[in-house]
C-alpha cells in the first residue's frame, strides 16, 4: 500500500527523533533501545512529537517492526552503524548494537536545534525513562 505524503513526512520526523535519541544514549543494544523507545513513545502525546511506535509483546520480548524499519533506513543512509556483539561463542548468542556515525551526529545536532523548546521536554523524558529502566544518563 502506498503511503501519503503526510505519512512519509511523519515517518521521516520519527526517524530523525530516533537519531536524536541515539545521540543522547551513545552505544546501545537492540533490546535496551526497544525498551527505551517503548517507554518514551508510550509517554509522549501524539501532538507533542511524532515518536509513535507500535510494539508487540511476546514471551517478555518487545518487538517493533516500525523501529526495525527505521533502524534499517538510518543504517542505509549511513547515519548509524550497526555492530553484532558476540556474548557467547558456544551458544552463538549475539546482540546488535547501534551508534551514530559522524554524519549522524551532525544531523542529530541539527535536529536538536530544530526542536527548540520541545528539546528540553524530550531530553527530560529520555532521562526519566532511562532512569526508570535503570540506565541513568547525564544530559
Protein backbone atom coordinates (compact mmCIF):
# COMPACT_ATOMS: atom_id res chain seq x y z
CA UNK A 1 0.00 0.00 0.00
CA UNK A 2 1.39 3.40 -0.98
CA UNK A 3 1.85 5.95 1.77
CA UNK A 4 0.58 9.51 1.55
CA UNK A 5 2.97 12.45 1.63
CA UNK A 6 1.86 13.23 5.20
CA UNK A 7 2.54 9.64 6.30
CA UNK A 8 6.02 9.70 4.72
CA UNK A 9 6.80 13.02 6.41
CA UNK A 10 5.68 11.64 9.79
CA UNK A 11 7.91 8.59 9.29
CA UNK A 12 10.86 10.83 8.47
CA UNK A 13 10.26 13.00 11.55
CA UNK A 14 10.00 9.89 13.72
CA UNK A 15 13.27 8.53 12.25
CA UNK A 16 15.04 11.82 12.91
CA UNK A 17 13.80 11.85 16.51
CA UNK A 18 15.22 8.34 16.84
CA UNK A 19 18.56 9.73 15.63
CA UNK A 20 18.37 12.45 18.25
CA UNK A 21 17.59 9.84 20.92
CA UNK A 22 20.62 7.79 19.85
CA UNK A 23 22.78 10.92 20.19
CA UNK A 24 21.75 11.10 23.85
CA UNK A 25 22.40 7.46 24.76
CA UNK A 26 25.57 6.59 22.84
CA UNK A 27 26.13 2.92 22.05
CA UNK A 28 23.05 0.88 22.93
CA UNK A 29 21.95 -2.66 22.19
CA UNK A 30 18.72 -3.52 20.42
CA UNK A 31 16.83 -4.78 23.48
CA UNK A 32 17.68 -1.71 25.56
CA UNK A 33 16.80 0.59 22.68
CA UNK A 34 13.46 -1.18 22.19
CA UNK A 35 12.62 -0.80 25.88
CA UNK A 36 13.59 2.87 25.84
CA UNK A 37 11.67 3.69 22.66
CA UNK A 38 8.64 1.84 24.05
CA UNK A 39 8.79 3.81 27.31
CA UNK A 40 9.20 7.17 25.57
CA UNK A 41 6.62 6.61 22.86
CA UNK A 42 4.04 5.46 25.41
CA UNK A 43 4.54 8.62 27.49
CA UNK A 44 4.56 11.17 24.67
CA UNK A 45 1.36 12.73 23.46
CA UNK A 46 0.98 12.47 19.68
CA UNK A 47 0.66 16.23 19.47
CA UNK A 48 3.97 16.80 21.27
CA UNK A 49 6.32 14.96 18.93
CA UNK A 50 5.80 12.32 16.21
CA UNK A 51 7.52 9.48 18.04
CA UNK A 52 4.89 6.76 17.89
CA UNK A 53 5.95 3.13 17.51
CA UNK A 54 3.76 0.05 17.58
CA UNK A 55 5.09 -2.78 19.73
CA UNK A 56 4.15 -6.41 20.21
CA UNK A 57 4.96 -8.25 23.44
CA UNK A 58 5.88 -11.89 23.09
CA UNK A 59 7.39 -14.07 25.83
CA UNK A 60 8.73 -10.99 27.64
CA UNK A 61 10.31 -9.62 24.46
CA UNK A 62 9.36 -6.33 22.87
CA UNK A 63 9.24 -6.23 19.09
CA UNK A 64 8.53 -3.31 16.79
CA UNK A 65 8.54 -3.64 13.03
CA UNK A 66 8.41 0.19 12.85
CA UNK A 67 11.57 0.51 14.94
CA UNK A 68 13.38 -2.14 12.91
CA UNK A 69 12.43 -0.38 9.65
CA UNK A 70 13.65 2.98 10.98
CA UNK A 71 16.95 1.46 12.15
CA UNK A 72 17.43 -0.21 8.77
CA UNK A 73 16.66 3.04 6.92
CA UNK A 74 19.03 5.08 9.11
CA UNK A 75 21.78 2.48 8.66
CA UNK A 76 21.37 2.55 4.87
CA UNK A 77 21.56 6.34 4.98
CA UNK A 78 24.87 6.00 6.89
CA UNK A 79 23.51 7.88 9.94
CA UNK A 80 24.04 4.94 12.29
CA UNK A 81 26.38 1.96 12.47
CA UNK A 82 25.22 -1.47 13.50
CA UNK A 83 27.60 -3.93 15.12
CA UNK A 84 26.99 -7.50 16.17
CA UNK A 85 28.46 -8.22 19.59
CA UNK A 86 29.01 -11.89 20.41
CA UNK A 87 28.06 -12.64 24.02
CA UNK A 88 28.63 -16.40 23.90
CA UNK A 89 30.54 -18.29 21.20
CA UNK A 90 29.36 -21.72 22.31
CA UNK A 91 25.64 -20.96 22.15
CA UNK A 92 26.06 -18.29 19.45
CA UNK A 93 24.34 -15.57 21.49
CA UNK A 94 24.67 -12.15 19.90
CA UNK A 95 23.21 -8.68 20.28
CA UNK A 96 23.02 -5.83 17.80
CA UNK A 97 24.47 -2.55 18.97
CA UNK A 98 23.83 0.86 17.43
CA UNK A 99 25.77 4.08 17.46
CA UNK A 100 25.73 7.25 15.41
CA UNK A 101 28.25 7.91 12.67
CA UNK A 102 29.92 11.33 12.49
CA UNK A 103 27.36 12.31 9.86
CA UNK A 104 24.55 11.02 12.10
CA UNK A 105 25.92 13.07 15.00
CA UNK A 106 25.77 16.23 12.88
CA UNK A 107 22.20 15.52 11.76
CA UNK A 108 21.18 14.78 15.37
CA UNK A 109 22.70 18.09 16.49
CA UNK A 110 20.65 19.94 13.86
CA UNK A 111 17.51 18.06 14.88
CA UNK A 112 18.10 19.14 18.47
CA UNK A 113 18.31 22.75 17.33
CA UNK A 114 15.12 22.42 15.30
CA UNK A 115 13.25 21.00 18.28
CA UNK A 116 13.56 24.37 20.01
CA UNK A 117 11.67 24.40 23.32
CA UNK A 118 10.47 20.83 22.83
CA UNK A 119 14.11 19.71 23.10
CA UNK A 120 14.16 20.27 26.86
CA UNK A 121 10.99 18.23 27.31
CA UNK A 122 12.28 15.41 25.11
CA UNK A 123 15.65 15.41 26.92
CA UNK A 124 13.85 15.27 30.27
CA UNK A 125 11.69 12.38 29.07
CA UNK A 126 14.74 10.47 27.79
CA UNK A 127 16.49 10.95 31.12
CA UNK A 128 13.38 9.96 33.08
CA UNK A 129 12.80 6.80 31.04
CA UNK A 130 16.47 5.79 31.21
CA UNK A 131 16.37 6.18 34.97
CA UNK A 132 13.20 4.08 35.21
CA UNK A 133 14.86 1.38 33.12
CA UNK A 134 17.96 1.50 35.35
CA UNK A 135 20.25 3.15 32.83
CA UNK A 136 20.93 6.63 34.19
CA UNK A 137 22.20 9.20 31.74
CA UNK A 138 23.57 12.68 32.17
CA UNK A 139 22.29 15.16 29.62
